[in-house]
PDB file of N, CA and C in Angstrom:
ATOM      1  N   UNK A   1      13.663-122.261-106.428  1.00  0.00           N
ATOM      2  CA  UNK A   1      12.550-122.908-106.965  1.00  0.00           C
ATOM      3  C   UNK A   1      12.086-121.623-107.771  1.00  0.00           C
ATOM      4  N   UNK A   2      11.822-122.007-108.809  1.00  0.00           N
ATOM      5  CA  UNK A   2      11.579-121.127-110.014  1.00  0.00           C
ATOM      6  C   UNK A   2       9.826-121.261-110.526  1.00  0.00           C
ATOM      7  N   UNK A   3       9.611-120.072-111.370  1.00  0.00           N
ATOM      8  CA  UNK A   3       8.167-120.630-111.939  1.00  0.00           C
ATOM      9  C   UNK A   3       8.263-121.162-112.814  1.00  0.00           C
ATOM     10  N   UNK A   4       7.479-122.174-113.156  1.00  0.00           N
ATOM     11  CA  UNK A   4       7.853-122.843-114.252  1.00  0.00           C
ATOM     12  C   UNK A   4       5.979-121.909-115.419  1.00  0.00           C
ATOM     13  N   UNK A   5       6.197-121.131-115.918  1.00  0.00           N
ATOM     14  CA  UNK A   5       5.027-120.574-116.693  1.00  0.00           C
ATOM     15  C   UNK A   5       4.335-121.452-117.757  1.00  0.00           C
ATOM     16  N   UNK A   6       5.075-122.395-118.532  1.00  0.00           N
ATOM     17  CA  UNK A   6       3.830-123.414-118.761  1.00  0.00           C
ATOM     18  C   UNK A   6       2.754-123.772-118.214  1.00  0.00           C
ATOM     19  N   UNK A   7       3.255-125.008-116.914  1.00  0.00           N
ATOM     20  CA  UNK A   7       2.341-125.172-116.042  1.00  0.00           C
ATOM     21  C   UNK A   7       1.702-124.167-115.760  1.00  0.00           C
ATOM     22  N   UNK A   8       2.190-123.158-115.281  1.00  0.00           N
ATOM     23  CA  UNK A   8       0.908-121.899-114.796  1.00  0.00           C
ATOM     24  C   UNK A   8      -0.033-121.625-115.675  1.00  0.00           C
ATOM     25  N   UNK A   9       0.060-121.430-117.014  1.00  0.00           N
ATOM     26  CA  UNK A   9      -0.760-121.160-117.885  1.00  0.00           C
ATOM     27  C   UNK A   9      -1.593-122.575-118.295  1.00  0.00           C
ATOM     28  N   UNK A  10      -1.310-123.546-118.134  1.00  0.00           N
ATOM     29  CA  UNK A  10      -1.964-124.651-118.513  1.00  0.00           C
ATOM     30  C   UNK A  10      -3.143-124.909-117.030  1.00  0.00           C
ATOM     31  N   UNK A  11      -2.572-124.739-116.291  1.00  0.00           N
ATOM     32  CA  UNK A  11      -3.120-124.715-114.619  1.00  0.00           C
ATOM     33  C   UNK A  11      -4.209-123.275-114.735  1.00  0.00           C
ATOM     34  N   UNK A  12      -3.692-122.287-115.355  1.00  0.00           N
ATOM     35  CA  UNK A  12      -4.827-121.223-115.196  1.00  0.00           C
ATOM     36  C   UNK A  12      -5.626-121.436-116.181  1.00  0.00           C
ATOM     37  N   UNK A  13      -5.439-121.828-117.536  1.00  0.00           N
ATOM     38  CA  UNK A  13      -6.604-121.730-118.637  1.00  0.00           C
ATOM     39  C   UNK A  13      -7.813-123.219-117.921  1.00  0.00           C
ATOM     40  N   UNK A  14      -6.664-124.103-117.315  1.00  0.00           N
ATOM     41  CA  UNK A  14      -7.821-125.713-116.897  1.00  0.00           C
ATOM     42  C   UNK A  14      -9.029-124.872-115.795  1.00  0.00           C
ATOM     43  N   UNK A  15      -8.488-124.248-115.036  1.00  0.00           N
ATOM     44  CA  UNK A  15      -9.117-123.820-113.936  1.00  0.00           C
ATOM     45  C   UNK A  15     -10.221-123.084-114.114  1.00  0.00           C
ATOM     46  N   UNK A  16      -9.702-121.785-115.188  1.00  0.00           N
ATOM     47  CA  UNK A  16     -10.746-120.628-115.193  1.00  0.00           C
ATOM     48  C   UNK A  16     -11.603-121.122-116.379  1.00  0.00           C
ATOM     49  N   UNK A  17     -11.196-122.236-117.309  1.00  0.00           N
ATOM     50  CA  UNK A  17     -12.325-122.780-118.201  1.00  0.00           C
ATOM     51  C   UNK A  17     -13.620-123.548-117.248  1.00  0.00           C
ATOM     52  N   UNK A  18     -12.853-124.146-116.193  1.00  0.00           N
ATOM     53  CA  UNK A  18     -13.260-125.372-115.508  1.00  0.00           C
ATOM     54  C   UNK A  18     -14.885-124.551-114.322  1.00  0.00           C
ATOM     55  N   UNK A  19     -14.232-123.536-114.053  1.00  0.00           N
ATOM     56  CA  UNK A  19     -15.169-122.498-113.116  1.00  0.00           C
ATOM     57  C   UNK A  19     -16.282-121.649-113.599  1.00  0.00           C
ATOM     58  N   UNK A  20     -16.104-121.494-115.010  1.00  0.00           N
ATOM     59  CA  UNK A  20     -16.838-120.640-116.062  1.00  0.00           C
ATOM     60  C   UNK A  20     -18.382-121.310-116.161  1.00  0.00           C
ATOM     61  N   UNK A  21     -19.407-120.593-115.428  1.00  0.00           N
ATOM     62  CA  UNK A  21     -20.631-120.921-115.483  1.00  0.00           C
ATOM     63  C   UNK A  21     -20.900-122.101-114.655  1.00  0.00           C
ATOM     64  N   UNK A  22     -20.197-122.433-113.624  1.00  0.00           N
ATOM     65  CA  UNK A  22     -20.444-123.443-112.628  1.00  0.00           C
ATOM     66  C   UNK A  22     -21.562-122.905-111.632  1.00  0.00           C
ATOM     67  N   UNK A  23     -21.734-123.710-110.812  1.00  0.00           N
ATOM     68  CA  UNK A  23     -22.751-123.207-109.552  1.00  0.00           C
ATOM     69  C   UNK A  23     -22.189-122.415-108.610  1.00  0.00           C
ATOM     70  N   UNK A  24     -20.665-122.180-108.750  1.00  0.00           N
ATOM     71  CA  UNK A  24     -20.068-121.308-107.552  1.00  0.00           C
ATOM     72  C   UNK A  24     -20.045-120.043-108.163  1.00  0.00           C
ATOM     73  N   UNK A  25     -19.907-119.791-109.684  1.00  0.00           N
ATOM     74  CA  UNK A  25     -20.274-118.496-110.272  1.00  0.00           C
ATOM     75  C   UNK A  25     -21.425-118.043-109.885  1.00  0.00           C
ATOM     76  N   UNK A  26     -22.230-118.478-110.303  1.00  0.00           N
ATOM     77  CA  UNK A  26     -23.999-118.560-110.686  1.00  0.00           C
ATOM     78  C   UNK A  26     -23.935-117.989-108.960  1.00  0.00           C
ATOM     79  N   UNK A  27     -23.718-118.828-107.590  1.00  0.00           N
ATOM     80  CA  UNK A  27     -23.589-118.349-106.188  1.00  0.00           C
ATOM     81  C   UNK A  27     -23.535-116.813-106.146  1.00  0.00           C
ATOM     82  N   UNK A  28     -22.172-116.199-106.499  1.00  0.00           N
ATOM     83  CA  UNK A  28     -21.319-115.613-106.380  1.00  0.00           C
ATOM     84  C   UNK A  28     -22.256-114.040-107.371  1.00  0.00           C
ATOM     85  N   UNK A  29     -22.554-114.554-108.277  1.00  0.00           N
ATOM     86  CA  UNK A  29     -23.584-113.444-109.059  1.00  0.00           C
ATOM     87  C   UNK A  29     -25.031-113.048-108.504  1.00  0.00           C
ATOM     88  N   UNK A  30     -25.325-114.340-107.550  1.00  0.00           N
ATOM     89  CA  UNK A  30     -26.658-114.083-107.016  1.00  0.00           C
ATOM     90  C   UNK A  30     -26.652-113.262-105.781  1.00  0.00           C
ATOM     91  N   UNK A  31     -25.483-113.748-104.830  1.00  0.00           N
ATOM     92  CA  UNK A  31     -25.063-112.898-104.016  1.00  0.00           C
ATOM     93  C   UNK A  31     -24.704-111.466-103.790  1.00  0.00           C
ATOM     94  N   UNK A  32     -23.702-111.255-104.847  1.00  0.00           N
ATOM     95  CA  UNK A  32     -23.698-109.855-104.801  1.00  0.00           C
ATOM     96  C   UNK A  32     -24.983-108.993-105.655  1.00  0.00           C
ATOM     97  N   UNK A  33     -25.749-109.642-106.115  1.00  0.00           N
ATOM     98  CA  UNK A  33     -26.981-109.273-106.582  1.00  0.00           C
ATOM     99  C   UNK A  33     -28.048-108.776-105.540  1.00  0.00           C
ATOM    100  N   UNK A  34     -27.987-109.818-104.536  1.00  0.00           N
ATOM    101  CA  UNK A  34     -28.976-109.838-103.076  1.00  0.00           C
ATOM    102  C   UNK A  34     -28.105-108.793-102.268  1.00  0.00           C
ATOM    103  N   UNK A  35     -26.932-108.869-102.166  1.00  0.00           N
ATOM    104  CA  UNK A  35     -26.208-108.284-100.791  1.00  0.00           C
ATOM    105  C   UNK A  35     -26.019-106.487-101.752  1.00  0.00           C
ATOM    106  N   UNK A  36     -25.729-106.145-102.789  1.00  0.00           N
ATOM    107  CA  UNK A  36     -25.711-105.188-103.145  1.00  0.00           C
ATOM    108  C   UNK A  36     -24.096-104.734-102.942  1.00  0.00           C
ATOM    109  N   UNK A  37     -23.248-105.472-102.861  1.00  0.00           N
ATOM    110  CA  UNK A  37     -21.712-105.448-102.179  1.00  0.00           C
ATOM    111  C   UNK A  37     -20.674-106.226-103.050  1.00  0.00           C
ATOM    112  N   UNK A  38     -20.821-106.151-104.579  1.00  0.00           N
ATOM    113  CA  UNK A  38     -20.140-106.742-104.813  1.00  0.00           C
ATOM    114  C   UNK A  38     -18.718-107.209-104.625  1.00  0.00           C
ATOM    115  N   UNK A  39     -17.879-106.067-103.745  1.00  0.00           N
ATOM    116  CA  UNK A  39     -16.816-106.242-103.488  1.00  0.00           C
ATOM    117  C   UNK A  39     -16.088-107.327-102.998  1.00  0.00           C
ATOM    118  N   UNK A  40     -17.397-106.995-101.484  1.00  0.00           N
ATOM    119  CA  UNK A  40     -17.260-107.858-100.446  1.00  0.00           C
ATOM    120  C   UNK A  40     -17.582-109.724-100.301  1.00  0.00           C
ATOM    121  N   UNK A  41     -18.403-109.523-101.685  1.00  0.00           N
ATOM    122  CA  UNK A  41     -18.793-110.800-102.457  1.00  0.00           C
ATOM    123  C   UNK A  41     -17.496-111.625-103.400  1.00  0.00           C
ATOM    124  N   UNK A  42     -16.729-110.229-103.812  1.00  0.00           N
ATOM    125  CA  UNK A  42     -15.664-110.833-104.246  1.00  0.00           C
ATOM    126  C   UNK A  42     -14.577-111.184-104.069  1.00  0.00           C
ATOM    127  N   UNK A  43     -14.371-110.810-103.086  1.00  0.00           N
ATOM    128  CA  UNK A  43     -13.293-111.163-101.602  1.00  0.00           C
ATOM    129  C   UNK A  43     -13.882-112.363-100.999  1.00  0.00           C
ATOM    130  N   UNK A  44     -14.645-112.331-100.805  1.00  0.00           N
ATOM    131  CA  UNK A  44     -15.190-113.863 -99.909  1.00  0.00           C
ATOM    132  C   UNK A  44     -15.073-115.171-100.980  1.00  0.00           C
ATOM    133  N   UNK A  45     -15.573-114.596-102.067  1.00  0.00           N
ATOM    134  CA  UNK A  45     -15.479-115.825-103.377  1.00  0.00           C
ATOM    135  C   UNK A  45     -13.879-116.253-104.015  1.00  0.00           C
ATOM    136  N   UNK A  46     -13.166-115.033-103.813  1.00  0.00           N
ATOM    137  CA  UNK A  46     -11.889-115.661-104.264  1.00  0.00           C
ATOM    138  C   UNK A  46     -10.727-116.011-103.020  1.00  0.00           C
ATOM    139  N   UNK A  47     -11.636-115.425-101.724  1.00  0.00           N
ATOM    140  CA  UNK A  47     -10.471-116.337-100.504  1.00  0.00           C
ATOM    141  C   UNK A  47     -11.033-117.968-100.367  1.00  0.00           C
ATOM    142  N   UNK A  48     -12.310-118.345-100.581  1.00  0.00           N
ATOM    143  CA  UNK A  48     -12.615-119.495-100.731  1.00  0.00           C
ATOM    144  C   UNK A  48     -11.929-120.317-101.395  1.00  0.00           C
ATOM    145  N   UNK A  49     -12.346-119.793-102.930  1.00  0.00           N
ATOM    146  CA  UNK A  49     -11.789-120.316-103.873  1.00  0.00           C
ATOM    147  C   UNK A  49     -10.214-120.704-103.704  1.00  0.00           C
ATOM    148  N   UNK A  50      -9.400-119.226-103.032  1.00  0.00           N
ATOM    149  CA  UNK A  50      -8.045-119.513-103.018  1.00  0.00           C
ATOM    150  C   UNK A  50      -7.854-120.397-101.733  1.00  0.00           C
ATOM    151  N   UNK A  51      -8.618-121.199-100.907  1.00  0.00           N
ATOM    152  CA  UNK A  51      -8.261-121.976 -99.921  1.00  0.00           C
ATOM    153  C   UNK A  51      -8.766-123.503-100.638  1.00  0.00           C
ATOM    154  N   UNK A  52     -10.074-123.178-101.063  1.00  0.00           N
ATOM    155  CA  UNK A  52     -10.575-124.775-101.538  1.00  0.00           C
ATOM    156  C   UNK A  52      -9.062-125.434-102.730  1.00  0.00           C
ATOM    157  N   UNK A  53      -8.412-124.087-103.242  1.00  0.00           N
ATOM    158  CA  UNK A  53      -7.897-124.567-104.061  1.00  0.00           C
ATOM    159  C   UNK A  53      -5.712-125.135-103.425  1.00  0.00           C
ATOM    160  N   UNK A  54      -5.460-124.722-102.330  1.00  0.00           N
ATOM    161  CA  UNK A  54      -4.600-124.608-101.712  1.00  0.00           C
ATOM    162  C   UNK A  54      -4.941-125.793-100.862  1.00  0.00           C
ATOM    163  N   UNK A  55      -5.902-126.466-100.727  1.00  0.00           N
ATOM    164  CA  UNK A  55      -6.081-127.985-100.220  1.00  0.00           C
ATOM    165  C   UNK A  55      -5.987-128.430-101.068  1.00  0.00           C
ATOM    166  N   UNK A  56      -6.611-128.799-102.135  1.00  0.00           N
ATOM    167  CA  UNK A  56      -6.612-129.614-103.130  1.00  0.00           C
ATOM    168  C   UNK A  56      -4.733-129.803-104.338  1.00  0.00           C
ATOM    169  N   UNK A  57      -4.262-128.703-103.618  1.00  0.00           N
ATOM    170  CA  UNK A  57      -2.724-129.142-104.241  1.00  0.00           C
ATOM    171  C   UNK A  57      -1.885-129.275-103.420  1.00  0.00           C
ATOM    172  N   UNK A  58      -2.096-129.008-102.084  1.00  0.00           N
ATOM    173  CA  UNK A  58      -1.737-129.745-100.527  1.00  0.00           C
ATOM    174  C   UNK A  58      -2.110-131.247-100.923  1.00  0.00           C
ATOM    175  N   UNK A  59      -2.952-131.775-101.149  1.00  0.00           N
ATOM    176  CA  UNK A  59      -3.350-133.356-101.009  1.00  0.00           C
ATOM    177  C   UNK A  59      -3.219-133.657-102.238  1.00  0.00           C
ATOM    178  N   UNK A  60      -3.185-133.371-103.557  1.00  0.00           N
ATOM    179  CA  UNK A  60      -2.262-133.650-104.363  1.00  0.00           C
ATOM    180  C   UNK A  60      -1.058-133.736-104.619  1.00  0.00           C
ATOM    181  N   UNK A  61      -0.216-132.784-103.552  1.00  0.00           N
ATOM    182  CA  UNK A  61       0.976-132.990-103.735  1.00  0.00           C
ATOM    183  C   UNK A  61       1.679-134.020-103.009  1.00  0.00           C
ATOM    184  N   UNK A  62       0.627-134.015-101.775  1.00  0.00           N
ATOM    185  CA  UNK A  62       1.029-135.295-100.647  1.00  0.00           C
ATOM    186  C   UNK A  62       0.992-136.539-101.589  1.00  0.00           C
ATOM    187  N   UNK A  63      -0.066-136.724-102.328  1.00  0.00           N
ATOM    188  CA  UNK A  63      -0.420-138.008-102.759  1.00  0.00           C
ATOM    189  C   UNK A  63       0.931-138.010-103.993  1.00  0.00           C
ATOM    190  N   UNK A  64       0.830-137.596-104.720  1.00  0.00           N
ATOM    191  CA  UNK A  64       1.746-137.530-105.668  1.00  0.00           C
ATOM    192  C   UNK A  64       3.482-138.207-105.532  1.00  0.00           C
ATOM    193  N   UNK A  65       3.331-138.087-104.229  1.00  0.00           N
ATOM    194  CA  UNK A  65       4.695-138.753-103.493  1.00  0.00           C
ATOM    195  C   UNK A  65       4.847-140.245-103.219  1.00  0.00           C
ATOM    196  N   UNK A  66       3.366-140.411-103.010  1.00  0.00           N
ATOM    197  CA  UNK A  66       3.211-141.770-102.510  1.00  0.00           C
ATOM    198  C   UNK A  66       2.002-142.409-103.172  1.00  0.00           C
ATOM    199  N   UNK A  67       1.737-142.101-104.741  1.00  0.00           N
ATOM    200  CA  UNK A  67       1.005-143.096-105.452  1.00  0.00           C
ATOM    201  C   UNK A  67       0.875-142.701-106.834  1.00  0.00           C
ATOM    202  N   UNK A  68       1.227-143.880-107.915  1.00  0.00           N
ATOM    203  CA  UNK A  68       1.631-143.263-109.115  1.00  0.00           C
ATOM    204  C   UNK A  68       0.188-142.619-109.636  1.00  0.00           C
ATOM    205  N   UNK A  69       0.330-141.310-110.628  1.00  0.00           N
ATOM    206  CA  UNK A  69      -0.221-140.887-111.162  1.00  0.00           C
ATOM    207  C   UNK A  69      -1.578-141.259-111.999  1.00  0.00           C
ATOM    208  N   UNK A  70      -1.540-142.696-112.141  1.00  0.00           N
ATOM    209  CA  UNK A  70      -2.039-143.210-113.112  1.00  0.00           C
ATOM    210  C   UNK A  70      -3.665-143.392-111.610  1.00  0.00           C
ATOM    211  N   UNK A  71      -2.975-144.033-110.263  1.00  0.00           N
ATOM    212  CA  UNK A  71      -4.560-144.379-109.714  1.00  0.00           C
ATOM    213  C   UNK A  71      -4.560-143.357-109.283  1.00  0.00           C
ATOM    214  N   UNK A  72      -4.248-142.122-109.178  1.00  0.00           N
ATOM    215  CA  UNK A  72      -4.816-140.637-108.841  1.00  0.00           C
ATOM    216  C   UNK A  72      -5.706-140.039-109.623  1.00  0.00           C
ATOM    217  N   UNK A  73      -5.318-140.435-111.176  1.00  0.00           N
ATOM    218  CA  UNK A  73      -6.532-139.851-112.015  1.00  0.00           C
ATOM    219  C   UNK A  73      -7.799-140.930-112.218  1.00  0.00           C
ATOM    220  N   UNK A  74      -7.400-142.194-111.805  1.00  0.00           N
ATOM    221  CA  UNK A  74      -8.432-143.166-111.725  1.00  0.00           C
ATOM    222  C   UNK A  74      -9.736-142.941-110.707  1.00  0.00           C
ATOM    223  N   UNK A  75      -8.870-142.476-109.652  1.00  0.00           N
ATOM    224  CA  UNK A  75      -9.648-142.059-108.297  1.00  0.00           C
ATOM    225  C   UNK A  75     -10.350-140.570-108.462  1.00  0.00           C
ATOM    226  N   UNK A  76      -9.891-139.885-109.382  1.00  0.00           N
ATOM    227  CA  UNK A  76     -10.667-138.723-109.308  1.00  0.00           C
ATOM    228  C   UNK A  76     -11.800-139.155-110.409  1.00  0.00           C
ATOM    229  N   UNK A  77     -11.263-139.802-111.518  1.00  0.00           N
ATOM    230  CA  UNK A  77     -12.411-140.135-112.589  1.00  0.00           C
ATOM    231  C   UNK A  77     -13.490-140.846-111.830  1.00  0.00           C
ATOM    232  N   UNK A  78     -12.875-141.772-111.125  1.00  0.00           N
ATOM    233  CA  UNK A  78     -14.394-142.464-110.020  1.00  0.00           C
ATOM    234  C   UNK A  78     -15.390-141.405-109.323  1.00  0.00           C
ATOM    235  N   UNK A  79     -14.685-140.520-108.879  1.00  0.00           N
ATOM    236  CA  UNK A  79     -15.447-139.425-107.914  1.00  0.00           C
ATOM    237  C   UNK A  79     -16.368-138.740-109.105  1.00  0.00           C
ATOM    238  N   UNK A  80     -15.701-138.422-110.220  1.00  0.00           N
ATOM    239  CA  UNK A  80     -16.790-137.690-110.811  1.00  0.00           C
ATOM    240  C   UNK A  80     -17.921-138.425-111.447  1.00  0.00           C
ATOM    241  N   UNK A  81     -17.776-139.724-111.901  1.00  0.00           N
ATOM    242  CA  UNK A  81     -18.836-140.403-112.022  1.00  0.00           C
ATOM    243  C   UNK A  81     -19.502-140.357-110.904  1.00  0.00           C
ATOM    244  N   UNK A  82     -19.341-140.739-109.466  1.00  0.00           N
ATOM    245  CA  UNK A  82     -20.222-140.813-108.630  1.00  0.00           C
ATOM    246  C   UNK A  82     -21.109-139.765-108.340  1.00  0.00           C
ATOM    247  N   UNK A  83     -20.295-138.170-108.316  1.00  0.00           N
ATOM    248  CA  UNK A  83     -20.784-136.970-108.162  1.00  0.00           C
ATOM    249  C   UNK A  83     -22.005-136.766-109.527  1.00  0.00           C
ATOM    250  N   UNK A  84     -21.588-137.275-110.592  1.00  0.00           N
ATOM    251  CA  UNK A  84     -22.755-137.278-111.873  1.00  0.00           C
ATOM    252  C   UNK A  84     -23.628-137.965-111.486  1.00  0.00           C
ATOM    253  N   UNK A  85     -23.699-139.261-111.118  1.00  0.00           N
ATOM    254  CA  UNK A  85     -24.966-139.760-110.934  1.00  0.00           C
ATOM    255  C   UNK A  85     -25.819-139.642-109.918  1.00  0.00           C
ATOM    256  N   UNK A  86     -24.776-139.022-108.766  1.00  0.00           N
ATOM    257  CA  UNK A  86     -25.651-138.426-107.325  1.00  0.00           C
ATOM    258  C   UNK A  86     -26.505-137.253-108.048  1.00  0.00           C
ATOM    259  N   UNK A  87     -25.976-136.471-109.213  1.00  0.00           N
ATOM    260  CA  UNK A  87     -26.695-135.226-109.786  1.00  0.00           C
ATOM    261  C   UNK A  87     -27.831-136.040-110.325  1.00  0.00           C
ATOM    262  N   UNK A  88     -28.003-136.875-111.301  1.00  0.00           N
ATOM    263  CA  UNK A  88     -29.005-137.227-111.976  1.00  0.00           C
ATOM    264  C   UNK A  88     -29.945-137.924-111.383  1.00  0.00           C
ATOM    265  N   UNK A  89     -29.786-138.229-110.122  1.00  0.00           N
ATOM    266  CA  UNK A  89     -30.603-138.784-109.210  1.00  0.00           C
ATOM    267  C   UNK A  89     -31.193-137.869-108.071  1.00  0.00           C
ATOM    268  N   UNK A  90     -30.883-136.373-108.532  1.00  0.00           N
ATOM    269  CA  UNK A  90     -31.217-135.293-107.314  1.00  0.00           C
ATOM    270  C   UNK A  90     -30.998-135.684-106.221  1.00  0.00           C
ATOM    271  N   UNK A  91     -29.842-136.215-105.681  1.00  0.00           N
ATOM    272  CA  UNK A  91     -29.395-136.883-104.421  1.00  0.00           C
ATOM    273  C   UNK A  91     -28.161-135.359-104.091  1.00  0.00           C
ATOM    274  N   UNK A  92     -27.810-135.053-105.235  1.00  0.00           N
ATOM    275  CA  UNK A  92     -27.085-133.738-104.580  1.00  0.00           C
ATOM    276  C   UNK A  92     -27.296-132.341-105.281  1.00  0.00           C
TER     277      UNK A  92
END
């Protein structure tokens, strides 16, 4: 097993840009300001993001063995559309 640096850099860039300025970052900023314990908030937030990412990688890796990539992309697109509509309707 070897590190594919192209995949690493692409993944880092995509996740970094996707997470920039999202609700998670704002929540972490608010918690750090409220608690005055930025290191504790950082460790908690980093661990939570690592766990969620591990879950996503595990599910994606498993699905990749059984389903065509096209289906996975379509399901993800539908999921994003549903979340967007729910947000527009103030249901989320």
